[in-house]
Amino acid sequence: MKNSIQQIAKQNKELEKAEALTAHAEIENPLTKPDRRNFLKKTVLGGITLTGLMSMPVEEVIAKTTSRVTRLGSPSDLKITDMRYTTISNGTGATNARNVIIRIDTNQGIYGLGEVRDGGDARFALFLKSRILGLNPCNVEMIFKIIKQFGGHGRMGGGVCGVEMALWDLAGKAFNAPVWALLGGRYREKIRLYSYIPNSGGVPLAEMDLNKFKADVKHRMEDQGFTWLKCHPGIEKYKNIPGTTVNTKFTPNFNDRVPPSSSQYYLSYQNTRHAFTSIQVTNKGLDELVKYVDTIRSVVGYDVPLSADHMGHFDVNSCIRVGHALERFNLASLEDFLPWNDTDHLKMITDAINTPTMTGEDIYLKEEFRKLCDTHAVDIIQPDMGSSGGILETKKIGDYAEEKETPMVMHFAGTPICFMANVHSAAATQNALALEVPNQIVDNPWWPSLVKMVGKQPLYTKGFANVPDDAPGLGVELNEEEMKKHLHKEDESYFVPTPQWNEVRSYDRLWS
């Protein structure tokens, strides 16, 4: 394992050890109330490992972990009766501009909330409604197996994942237990968050106001409390400087932003696999890249991890040259150098450079993550719960990676619903290092107000998410007043009936 990963893992273990000692001290404190002491005794436990989880039915896990809780309803008689949705706008990019929240209703009046991955379509989830009506939502794993054939890599997995999140929220409410408890317990009470450098540093060096950037970084680290940052030192930071790149002038749509329906621009730069762009970074380009990252690292300092993403679309040889040029900055990770399914070339890069490599935000289900872990094609895996399969599948991915000595960082860019789904899964997964919160979240004052916390804790505090210990399910409910202020202009409906999606219109079996 590369040194920077070991350092981050060590920091996380020290933090978790301190939290455990704090919990034990609270247990021993004679001033601690009896109900709080009893709760702490039950919850200072680790999660179920890969072997135990994969061999035990989810229904049995739920039964064991909730045997002493007061139920809000009658779980065995619970039935799904409806699925509805609403769409909000949470950014300006091609992906984060659309966030779909789904609600699954039941015959007992309780409901579950889930989220289609940012940039996804509500219909990815609505298509699944006819397959789950009448089923017991507590049978999460069985329902997941019914619907998972309708998901796919990237945003195509968003519907299945959103439904899976809502099922866990429902199960938690039915058994009056937090989702992490249904997964076998938690390893930590807080989840480390990583954010981006402020927007003032996300411009080419010649355009940067260094004094403002320093002030913004100080705010990000000292006031907001983030202890892990990410930058984007991609080719766009130096492409306009003559002599820094080869072939960019002849690459279709090289200077264009990613359009919302980018698949229609099939031969554009954004849709061309890296090996086929014929773009190269020159020695001058590497020098300019180093100047940019040196500026960022000098302001951020070396006490906190600094990751990098969006390097550019160029071949494996240029990736290795870029990796070598950036080694002096001790970056925590270099993300998505190549497409995630170019396993052989990813491994070539990983073996050739000393900076940790990372990928996985567009992978659906655990099978492809297993390939990455088995071959050690990257140093860190990075599932996005909106694509990876949901809460339980992401835990299985993390547990398998743990067996292969591979850490996990969690990708995210949605609303507080998916955020809390990530928090519960990360709490129950030992090798989860951190959860992403991009700038459209941390610099957006109304983002936390989209939900109301059921328990006493806020969503996050000083760079760490709080794992709910006094609320069932995901631990949040929608703040309807705030939600309605941010409905997407393409669809301003708010959880209206969806009877047109009730009927099954195909024979779905995959084998005969």
Protein backbone atom coordinates (compact mmCIF):
# COMPACT_ATOMS: atom_id res chain seq x y z
CA MET A 1 0.00 0.00 0.00
CA LYS A 2 1.40 3.41 -0.95
CA ASN A 3 2.59 5.70 1.85
CA SER A 4 -0.04 8.43 1.42
CA ILE A 5 -2.87 5.88 1.72
CA GLN A 6 -1.28 4.39 4.84
CA GLN A 7 -1.08 7.85 6.41
CA ILE A 8 -4.75 8.58 5.68
CA ALA A 9 -5.84 5.18 6.99
CA LYS A 10 -3.77 5.72 10.14
CA GLN A 11 -5.36 9.13 10.71
CA ASN A 12 -8.84 7.61 10.33
CA LYS A 13 -8.06 4.79 12.77
CA GLU A 14 -6.75 7.25 15.34
CA LEU A 15 -9.89 9.35 14.99
CA GLU A 16 -12.14 6.30 15.35
CA LYS A 17 -10.17 5.09 18.37
CA ALA A 18 -10.61 8.48 20.01
CA GLU A 19 -14.36 8.38 19.30
CA ALA A 20 -14.63 4.91 20.86
CA LEU A 21 -12.76 6.09 23.97
CA THR A 22 -15.11 9.06 24.21
CA ALA A 23 -18.13 6.75 24.00
CA HIS A 24 -16.73 4.46 26.71
CA ALA A 25 -15.96 7.47 28.90
CA GLU A 26 -19.57 8.60 28.50
CA ILE A 27 -20.76 5.13 29.51
CA GLU A 28 -18.67 5.25 32.68
CA ASN A 29 -19.70 8.81 33.55
CA PRO A 30 -22.21 8.66 36.45
CA LEU A 31 -23.96 11.75 35.01
CA THR A 32 -24.87 9.91 31.80
CA LYS A 33 -28.59 9.18 31.65
CA PRO A 34 -29.53 5.46 31.76
CA ASP A 35 -31.19 5.41 28.33
CA ARG A 36 -28.14 7.04 26.73
CA ARG A 37 -25.80 4.62 28.54
CA ASN A 38 -27.81 1.59 27.39
CA PHE A 39 -27.83 2.86 23.83
CA LEU A 40 -24.05 3.37 23.81
CA LYS A 41 -23.46 -0.13 25.15
CA LYS A 42 -25.46 -1.57 22.27
CA THR A 43 -23.96 0.54 19.52
CA VAL A 44 -20.21 0.59 20.24
CA LEU A 45 -19.90 -2.44 17.97
CA GLY A 46 -18.27 -3.19 14.65
CA GLY A 47 -20.14 -4.05 11.48
CA ILE A 48 -20.56 -7.47 9.96
CA THR A 49 -17.64 -8.53 7.78
CA LEU A 50 -17.84 -9.63 4.15
CA THR A 51 -18.09 -13.32 4.98
CA GLY A 52 -20.80 -12.90 7.58
CA LEU A 53 -22.86 -10.46 5.52
CA MET A 54 -22.75 -12.40 2.28
CA SER A 55 -23.74 -15.67 3.97
CA MET A 56 -26.61 -14.27 6.01
CA PRO A 57 -29.98 -13.22 4.50
CA VAL A 58 -30.78 -9.55 5.03
CA GLU A 59 -34.04 -10.49 6.77
CA GLU A 60 -31.99 -12.39 9.38
CA VAL A 61 -29.61 -9.46 9.83
CA ILE A 62 -32.59 -7.16 10.42
CA ALA A 63 -34.13 -9.59 12.90
CA LYS A 64 -30.92 -9.93 14.91
CA THR A 65 -29.98 -6.26 15.01
CA THR A 66 -33.46 -5.00 15.87
CA SER A 67 -34.64 -7.66 18.27
CA ARG A 68 -34.90 -5.21 21.19
CA VAL A 69 -36.32 -2.14 19.49
CA THR A 70 -39.87 -0.85 19.49
CA ARG A 71 -41.42 -1.22 16.06
CA LEU A 72 -43.38 1.58 14.43
CA GLY A 73 -45.67 -0.79 12.57
CA SER A 74 -46.11 -4.44 11.68
CA PRO A 75 -43.12 -5.22 9.41
CA SER A 76 -44.36 -8.64 8.33
CA ASP A 77 -47.58 -7.12 6.94
CA LEU A 78 -45.97 -4.12 5.24
CA LYS A 79 -46.74 -3.71 1.51
CA ILE A 80 -45.58 -1.23 -1.12
CA THR A 81 -48.54 0.72 -2.52
CA ASP A 82 -47.05 3.58 -4.55
CA MET A 83 -43.95 5.34 -5.86
CA ARG A 84 -43.81 9.08 -6.55
CA TYR A 85 -41.05 11.59 -7.24
CA THR A 86 -39.98 15.20 -7.39
CA THR A 87 -37.02 16.85 -9.12
CA ILE A 88 -34.92 19.71 -7.82
CA SER A 89 -32.09 21.75 -9.30
CA ASN A 90 -28.87 21.64 -7.31
CA GLY A 91 -26.21 23.09 -9.60
CA THR A 92 -25.35 24.28 -13.09
CA GLY A 93 -23.37 21.37 -14.53
CA ALA A 94 -24.61 18.73 -16.96
CA THR A 95 -24.87 16.23 -14.11
CA ASN A 96 -25.67 18.03 -10.88
CA ALA A 97 -28.37 20.27 -12.35
CA ARG A 98 -31.00 17.55 -11.89
CA ASN A 99 -31.65 15.60 -8.68
CA VAL A 100 -34.62 13.23 -8.50
CA ILE A 101 -35.98 12.20 -5.09
CA ILE A 102 -38.37 9.26 -4.95
CA ARG A 103 -40.87 8.30 -2.27
CA ILE A 104 -42.12 4.73 -1.80
CA ASP A 105 -45.42 4.54 0.11
CA THR A 106 -46.88 1.61 2.02
CA ASN A 107 -50.18 0.30 3.36
CA GLN A 108 -49.20 1.32 6.91
CA GLY A 109 -48.63 5.01 6.27
CA ILE A 110 -44.85 4.94 6.55
CA TYR A 111 -42.72 5.72 3.50
CA GLY A 112 -39.13 5.58 2.36
CA LEU A 113 -37.03 8.21 0.58
CA GLY A 114 -34.41 7.50 -2.06
CA GLU A 115 -32.56 9.39 -4.77
CA VAL A 116 -31.75 8.78 -8.42
CA ARG A 117 -28.12 9.68 -9.06
CA ASP A 118 -27.40 13.32 -9.94
CA GLY A 119 -28.04 13.93 -13.63
CA GLY A 120 -30.29 10.87 -13.90
CA ASP A 121 -33.87 10.62 -15.13
CA ALA A 122 -36.90 10.00 -12.90
CA ARG A 123 -38.02 7.35 -15.36
CA PHE A 124 -35.06 5.17 -14.40
CA ALA A 125 -36.86 4.65 -11.09
CA LEU A 126 -40.49 4.91 -12.23
CA PHE A 127 -39.92 2.00 -14.61
CA LEU A 128 -39.35 -0.18 -11.55
CA LYS A 129 -42.61 0.71 -9.80
CA SER A 130 -44.61 -2.06 -11.45
CA ARG A 131 -42.01 -4.62 -10.34
CA ILE A 132 -42.23 -3.78 -6.63
CA LEU A 133 -45.91 -2.94 -6.00
CA GLY A 134 -47.41 -5.24 -3.37
CA LEU A 135 -44.05 -6.49 -2.08
CA ASN A 136 -42.80 -6.18 1.49
CA PRO A 137 -40.12 -3.44 1.47
CA CYS A 138 -38.27 -5.10 4.35
CA ASN A 139 -37.17 -7.83 1.94
CA VAL A 140 -34.58 -5.43 0.61
CA GLU A 141 -32.13 -7.89 -0.89
CA MET A 142 -34.81 -9.94 -2.63
CA ILE A 143 -36.38 -6.85 -4.22
CA PHE A 144 -32.92 -5.64 -5.24
CA LYS A 145 -32.35 -8.93 -7.07
CA ILE A 146 -35.70 -8.50 -8.85
CA ILE A 147 -34.87 -5.04 -10.17
CA LYS A 148 -31.08 -4.97 -10.55
CA GLN A 149 -31.22 -6.24 -14.15
CA PHE A 150 -32.76 -2.88 -15.09
CA GLY A 151 -29.72 -0.88 -13.96
CA GLY A 152 -26.42 -0.20 -15.67
CA HIS A 153 -23.16 1.68 -15.40
CA GLY A 154 -23.20 5.45 -14.97
CA ARG A 155 -26.56 7.16 -14.51
CA MET A 156 -28.39 4.07 -15.76
CA GLY A 157 -27.93 2.57 -12.29
CA GLY A 158 -29.66 5.51 -10.65
CA GLY A 159 -33.17 4.08 -10.59
CA VAL A 160 -32.25 0.76 -8.98
CA CYS A 161 -30.01 2.52 -6.45
CA GLY A 162 -32.68 5.09 -5.55
CA VAL A 163 -35.26 2.38 -4.94
CA GLU A 164 -32.79 0.40 -2.81
CA MET A 165 -32.11 3.44 -0.62
CA ALA A 166 -35.84 4.02 -0.13
CA LEU A 167 -36.34 0.37 0.86
CA TRP A 168 -33.72 0.62 3.58
CA ASP A 169 -35.29 3.86 4.83
CA LEU A 170 -38.62 2.04 5.03
CA ALA A 171 -37.14 -1.00 6.77
CA GLY A 172 -35.46 1.21 9.32
CA LYS A 173 -38.68 3.05 10.04
CA ALA A 174 -40.62 -0.22 10.29
CA PHE A 175 -38.19 -1.62 12.85
CA ASN A 176 -37.52 1.79 14.46
CA ALA A 177 -33.78 1.45 13.91
CA PRO A 178 -31.15 3.42 11.98
CA VAL A 179 -30.07 1.84 8.70
CA TRP A 180 -26.51 1.24 9.92
CA ALA A 181 -27.91 -1.02 12.65
CA LEU A 182 -29.69 -3.13 10.02
CA LEU A 183 -26.34 -3.57 8.24
CA GLY A 184 -24.79 -5.14 11.31
CA GLY A 185 -23.60 -2.18 13.33
CA ARG A 186 -21.27 0.75 12.88
CA TYR A 187 -17.52 1.25 13.06
CA ARG A 188 -17.63 5.00 13.56
CA GLU A 189 -19.88 7.79 14.80
CA LYS A 190 -18.62 10.36 12.28
CA ILE A 191 -17.74 10.13 8.60
CA ARG A 192 -14.82 12.16 7.33
CA LEU A 193 -15.81 14.42 4.44
CA TYR A 194 -13.62 15.73 1.66
CA SER A 195 -14.43 18.81 -0.36
CA TYR A 196 -12.88 20.67 -3.28
CA ILE A 197 -10.57 23.62 -3.13
CA PRO A 198 -12.64 26.85 -3.35
CA ASN A 199 -13.79 27.96 -6.81
CA SER A 200 -11.28 30.81 -6.73
CA GLY A 201 -8.56 28.20 -7.20
CA GLY A 202 -10.31 26.34 -9.99
CA VAL A 203 -9.11 28.65 -12.75
CA PRO A 204 -5.87 28.79 -14.77
CA LEU A 205 -2.96 30.20 -12.81
CA ALA A 206 -2.86 33.40 -14.86
CA GLU A 207 -6.48 34.17 -13.85
CA MET A 208 -6.13 33.35 -10.16
CA ASP A 209 -6.42 36.00 -7.45
CA LEU A 210 -3.94 34.42 -5.06
CA ASN A 211 -4.89 36.53 -2.05
CA LYS A 212 -8.56 35.65 -2.43
CA PHE A 213 -7.70 31.98 -2.92
CA LYS A 214 -5.65 31.96 0.30
CA ALA A 215 -8.53 33.53 2.21
CA ASP A 216 -11.02 31.05 0.71
CA VAL A 217 -8.82 28.06 1.58
CA LYS A 218 -8.49 29.33 5.14
CA HIS A 219 -12.30 29.51 5.33
CA ARG A 220 -12.64 26.00 3.88
CA MET A 221 -10.20 24.46 6.34
CA GLU A 222 -10.54 26.53 9.52
CA ASP A 223 -14.14 27.74 9.47
CA GLN A 224 -15.77 24.84 7.61
CA GLY A 225 -13.39 22.29 9.11
CA PHE A 226 -12.51 20.17 6.08
CA THR A 227 -9.41 18.04 6.55
CA TRP A 228 -9.21 16.61 3.02
CA LEU A 229 -9.42 18.60 -0.21
CA LYS A 230 -9.50 17.87 -3.94
CA CYS A 231 -8.34 19.92 -6.92
CA HIS A 232 -8.84 19.63 -10.67
CA PRO A 233 -5.45 20.17 -12.35
CA GLY A 234 -6.72 19.10 -15.74
CA ILE A 235 -5.61 19.98 -19.20
CA GLU A 236 -8.02 22.94 -19.25
CA LYS A 237 -5.78 24.74 -16.74
CA TYR A 238 -2.98 25.12 -19.29
CA LYS A 239 -4.45 24.31 -22.72
CA ASN A 240 -4.54 27.96 -23.82
CA ILE A 241 -0.81 28.39 -23.31
CA PRO A 242 0.94 27.79 -26.67
CA GLY A 243 3.13 24.73 -26.84
CA THR A 244 1.60 22.85 -23.88
CA THR A 245 -0.46 20.24 -25.76
CA VAL A 246 -0.43 18.30 -29.01
CA ASN A 247 -3.55 17.80 -31.20
CA THR A 248 -6.08 19.71 -29.08
CA LYS A 249 -6.76 22.11 -31.97
CA PHE A 250 -7.95 19.23 -34.14
CA THR A 251 -10.06 17.38 -31.57
CA PRO A 252 -13.84 17.87 -32.11
CA ASN A 253 -15.54 19.97 -29.41
CA PHE A 254 -12.36 20.07 -27.30
CA ASN A 255 -13.23 23.46 -25.79
CA ASP A 256 -16.94 22.79 -25.27
CA ARG A 257 -18.57 22.08 -21.92
CA VAL A 258 -20.24 18.72 -21.46
CA PRO A 259 -23.83 19.06 -22.79
CA PRO A 260 -26.67 17.51 -20.75
CA SER A 261 -27.25 14.88 -23.45
CA SER A 262 -23.59 14.28 -24.25
CA SER A 263 -24.22 10.85 -25.80
CA GLN A 264 -25.52 12.57 -28.93
CA TYR A 265 -22.06 14.10 -29.50
CA TYR A 266 -20.48 10.69 -29.93
CA LEU A 267 -17.25 11.78 -31.64
CA SER A 268 -16.61 14.78 -29.38
CA TYR A 269 -13.64 15.04 -27.03
CA GLN A 270 -15.75 14.24 -23.96
CA ASN A 271 -17.02 10.98 -25.49
CA THR A 272 -13.73 9.80 -27.02
CA ARG A 273 -11.90 7.20 -24.98
CA HIS A 274 -8.55 8.48 -23.83
CA ALA A 275 -6.39 6.27 -26.05
CA PHE A 276 -8.08 7.58 -29.21
CA THR A 277 -7.80 11.37 -28.78
CA SER A 278 -4.13 11.50 -29.90
CA ILE A 279 -3.70 14.31 -27.40
CA GLN A 280 -0.33 14.59 -25.68
CA VAL A 281 1.04 16.83 -22.95
CA THR A 282 4.38 18.42 -23.82
CA ASN A 283 7.27 19.16 -21.46
CA LYS A 284 6.09 22.76 -21.36
CA GLY A 285 2.60 21.51 -20.48
CA LEU A 286 4.02 19.46 -17.61
CA ASP A 287 5.90 22.53 -16.37
CA GLU A 288 2.69 24.58 -16.36
CA LEU A 289 0.81 21.75 -14.64
CA VAL A 290 3.47 21.59 -11.94
CA LYS A 291 3.27 25.37 -11.41
CA TYR A 292 -0.50 25.15 -10.92
CA VAL A 293 -0.40 22.23 -8.47
CA ASP A 294 2.55 23.75 -6.62
CA THR A 295 0.47 26.89 -6.04
CA ILE A 296 -2.48 24.87 -4.74
CA ARG A 297 -0.32 22.67 -2.50
CA SER A 298 1.60 25.65 -1.13
CA VAL A 299 -1.63 27.33 -0.03
CA VAL A 300 -3.31 24.17 1.29
CA GLY A 301 -0.15 22.89 2.97
CA TYR A 302 0.97 19.33 3.55
CA ASP A 303 -0.92 18.56 6.76
CA VAL A 304 -4.09 17.51 4.91
CA PRO A 305 -4.60 15.05 2.03
CA LEU A 306 -5.00 16.68 -1.39
CA SER A 307 -6.53 14.61 -4.22
CA ALA A 308 -6.69 15.39 -7.94
CA ASP A 309 -9.33 14.66 -10.59
CA HIS A 310 -10.21 15.49 -14.24
CA MET A 311 -6.68 15.24 -15.59
CA GLY A 312 -7.72 15.12 -19.25
CA HIS A 313 -8.32 12.63 -22.05
CA PHE A 314 -4.91 11.40 -23.16
CA ASP A 315 -3.24 8.01 -23.50
CA VAL A 316 -1.51 5.84 -20.92
CA ASN A 317 1.96 7.18 -21.72
CA SER A 318 0.92 10.78 -21.07
CA CYS A 319 -0.84 9.63 -17.88
CA ILE A 320 2.38 8.15 -16.58
CA ARG A 321 4.34 11.30 -17.47
CA VAL A 322 1.76 13.43 -15.64
CA GLY A 323 1.86 11.07 -12.67
CA HIS A 324 5.64 11.31 -12.42
CA ALA A 325 5.54 15.12 -12.70
CA LEU A 326 3.11 15.37 -9.76
CA GLU A 327 4.80 12.90 -7.40
CA ARG A 328 6.65 15.66 -5.53
CA PHE A 329 3.32 16.98 -4.17
CA ASN A 330 2.36 13.81 -2.26
CA LEU A 331 -1.19 13.79 -3.62
CA ALA A 332 -3.64 11.47 -1.87
CA SER A 333 -5.00 10.16 -5.17
CA LEU A 334 -5.15 10.69 -8.92
CA GLU A 335 -8.72 10.00 -9.96
CA ASP A 336 -10.01 8.49 -13.22
CA PHE A 337 -6.83 8.74 -15.27
CA LEU A 338 -8.54 6.37 -17.75
CA PRO A 339 -12.04 4.88 -18.12
CA TRP A 340 -12.73 2.45 -15.26
CA ASN A 341 -13.03 -0.58 -17.57
CA ASP A 342 -9.58 -0.11 -19.11
CA THR A 343 -8.23 -2.37 -16.38
CA ASP A 344 -4.95 -3.39 -18.01
CA HIS A 345 -3.83 0.17 -18.72
CA LEU A 346 -4.98 1.39 -15.30
CA LYS A 347 -2.75 -1.26 -13.76
CA MET A 348 0.16 -0.12 -15.94
CA ILE A 349 -0.23 3.42 -14.58
CA THR A 350 -0.68 2.23 -10.99
CA ASP A 351 2.46 0.10 -11.18
CA ALA A 352 4.48 2.88 -12.83
CA ILE A 353 3.84 5.79 -10.44
CA ASN A 354 4.05 6.29 -6.69
CA THR A 355 0.92 8.40 -6.25
CA PRO A 356 -2.22 6.36 -5.42
CA THR A 357 -4.67 5.88 -8.30
CA MET A 358 -8.45 5.76 -7.91
CA THR A 359 -11.56 4.99 -10.00
CA GLY A 360 -15.10 3.63 -9.76
CA GLU A 361 -17.71 6.40 -9.68
CA ASP A 362 -19.54 5.05 -12.74
CA ILE A 363 -19.43 1.31 -11.96
CA TYR A 364 -22.66 -0.60 -11.39
CA LEU A 365 -22.60 -3.56 -8.96
CA LYS A 366 -19.75 -5.28 -7.16
CA GLU A 367 -18.53 -7.57 -9.94
CA GLU A 368 -16.48 -4.93 -11.78
CA PHE A 369 -15.06 -3.65 -8.50
CA ARG A 370 -13.88 -7.18 -7.77
CA LYS A 371 -11.87 -7.14 -11.00
CA LEU A 372 -10.19 -3.89 -10.02
CA CYS A 373 -9.38 -5.24 -6.56
CA ASP A 374 -8.25 -8.69 -7.73
CA THR A 375 -5.78 -7.23 -10.23
CA HIS A 376 -4.81 -4.23 -8.07
CA ALA A 377 -5.52 -2.06 -11.10
CA VAL A 378 -5.98 0.95 -8.79
CA ASP A 379 -4.92 1.72 -5.24
CA ILE A 380 -8.31 3.04 -4.09
CA ILE A 381 -11.83 2.23 -5.26
CA GLN A 382 -14.42 5.01 -5.43
CA PRO A 383 -18.04 3.86 -5.77
CA ASP A 384 -20.87 6.35 -6.18
CA MET A 385 -23.88 4.97 -4.32
CA GLY A 386 -26.17 6.37 -7.00
CA SER A 387 -24.57 3.98 -9.50
CA SER A 388 -22.92 1.21 -7.48
CA GLY A 389 -26.11 -0.57 -6.39
CA GLY A 390 -27.21 1.28 -3.28
CA ILE A 391 -26.50 0.97 0.42
CA LEU A 392 -25.97 -2.77 0.88
CA GLU A 393 -24.19 -3.33 -2.43
CA THR A 394 -21.76 -0.53 -1.59
CA LYS A 395 -21.04 -2.14 1.78
CA LYS A 396 -20.38 -5.45 0.02
CA ILE A 397 -18.04 -3.64 -2.37
CA GLY A 398 -16.17 -2.09 0.54
CA ASP A 399 -15.97 -5.37 2.42
CA TYR A 400 -14.56 -7.19 -0.60
CA ALA A 401 -12.03 -4.41 -1.15
CA GLU A 402 -11.01 -4.69 2.48
CA GLU A 403 -10.20 -8.36 1.95
CA LYS A 404 -7.90 -7.25 -0.89
CA GLU A 405 -6.22 -4.50 1.18
CA THR A 406 -7.87 -1.80 -0.95
CA PRO A 407 -9.30 1.33 0.73
CA MET A 408 -12.59 2.91 -0.37
CA VAL A 409 -13.44 6.58 -0.88
CA MET A 410 -17.08 7.38 -1.67
CA HIS A 411 -18.08 9.63 -4.58
CA PHE A 412 -21.17 11.81 -4.19
CA ALA A 413 -22.84 14.89 -5.70
CA GLY A 414 -26.54 14.87 -4.81
CA THR A 415 -29.04 15.91 -2.13
CA PRO A 416 -29.11 15.15 1.61
CA ILE A 417 -31.13 11.99 0.90
CA CYS A 418 -28.33 10.21 -0.95
CA PHE A 419 -25.85 11.87 1.39
CA MET A 420 -27.41 10.15 4.39
CA ALA A 421 -27.58 6.82 2.53
CA ASN A 422 -23.81 7.15 2.06
CA VAL A 423 -23.31 8.03 5.72
CA HIS A 424 -25.08 4.88 6.94
CA SER A 425 -23.20 2.62 4.53
CA ALA A 426 -19.85 4.23 5.39
CA ALA A 427 -20.55 3.89 9.10
CA ALA A 428 -21.00 0.13 8.66
CA THR A 429 -17.99 -0.39 6.34
CA GLN A 430 -14.57 -0.59 7.95
CA ASN A 431 -12.35 0.56 5.05
CA ALA A 432 -14.37 3.66 4.08
CA LEU A 433 -11.88 6.54 4.26
CA ALA A 434 -14.04 9.54 3.35
CA LEU A 435 -17.18 10.80 1.59
CA GLU A 436 -17.18 13.49 -1.09
CA VAL A 437 -19.12 16.76 -0.78
CA PRO A 438 -18.52 19.03 -3.80
CA ASN A 439 -18.62 22.82 -3.81
CA GLN A 440 -22.25 23.06 -4.92
CA ILE A 441 -23.00 21.53 -1.50
CA VAL A 442 -20.54 23.10 0.92
CA ASP A 443 -20.90 26.59 -0.57
CA ASN A 444 -24.68 26.36 -0.88
CA PRO A 445 -26.44 27.73 2.26
CA TRP A 446 -29.82 26.18 1.49
CA TRP A 447 -28.58 22.65 0.70
CA PRO A 448 -28.78 21.32 4.30
CA SER A 449 -32.24 22.89 4.65
CA LEU A 450 -33.72 20.55 2.03
CA VAL A 451 -34.30 18.09 4.88
CA LYS A 452 -35.18 18.12 8.54
CA MET A 453 -33.17 15.91 10.87
CA VAL A 454 -35.33 13.46 12.78
CA GLY A 455 -32.75 13.24 15.55
CA LYS A 456 -30.80 15.92 17.37
CA GLN A 457 -27.64 15.95 15.24
CA PRO A 458 -27.12 18.18 12.18
CA LEU A 459 -26.17 16.68 8.81
CA TYR A 460 -22.51 17.45 9.27
CA THR A 461 -20.28 19.42 11.59
CA LYS A 462 -16.82 20.87 10.84
CA GLY A 463 -15.96 18.57 7.95
CA PHE A 464 -17.50 15.39 9.40
CA ALA A 465 -20.93 13.85 8.79
CA ASN A 466 -22.83 12.78 11.88
CA VAL A 467 -24.06 9.18 11.99
CA PRO A 468 -27.60 9.28 13.45
CA ASP A 469 -27.97 7.43 16.74
CA ASP A 470 -31.47 8.55 17.67
CA ALA A 471 -33.49 8.33 14.44
CA PRO A 472 -34.90 5.43 12.40
CA GLY A 473 -34.18 4.75 8.74
CA LEU A 474 -31.98 7.33 7.05
CA GLY A 475 -32.76 9.79 9.81
CA VAL A 476 -34.14 12.64 7.69
CA GLU A 477 -37.45 13.91 6.39
CA LEU A 478 -38.00 16.40 3.57
CA ASN A 479 -38.43 20.08 4.31
CA GLU A 480 -41.28 20.63 1.86
CA GLU A 481 -41.21 24.41 2.10
CA GLU A 482 -37.54 24.54 1.10
CA MET A 483 -37.85 21.75 -1.47
CA LYS A 484 -40.55 23.59 -3.37
CA LYS A 485 -38.29 26.64 -3.75
CA HIS A 486 -35.87 24.61 -5.86
CA LEU A 487 -38.01 22.46 -8.14
CA HIS A 488 -36.42 21.89 -11.53
CA LYS A 489 -37.86 24.09 -14.26
CA GLU A 490 -38.24 21.06 -16.58
CA ASP A 491 -40.60 19.36 -14.11
CA GLU A 492 -42.09 21.29 -11.20
CA SER A 493 -44.42 18.52 -10.05
CA TYR A 494 -44.21 17.48 -6.41
CA PHE A 495 -44.92 13.83 -5.61
CA VAL A 496 -47.99 13.62 -7.83
CA PRO A 497 -49.66 10.22 -8.46
CA THR A 498 -47.96 7.98 -11.06
CA PRO A 499 -50.59 5.36 -12.00
CA GLN A 500 -49.22 5.18 -15.57
CA TRP A 501 -46.25 3.22 -14.18
CA ASN A 502 -48.30 0.57 -12.33
CA GLU A 503 -48.54 -2.02 -15.10
CA VAL A 504 -45.86 -4.55 -16.03
CA ARG A 505 -45.54 -4.58 -19.82
CA SER A 506 -42.75 -7.08 -20.44
CA TYR A 507 -41.59 -10.57 -19.53
CA ASP A 508 -38.43 -9.90 -17.55
CA ARG A 509 -36.81 -13.29 -16.97
CA LEU A 510 -33.21 -13.41 -18.17
CA TRP A 511 -33.01 -17.17 -18.70
CA SER A 512 -35.22 -20.05 -19.89
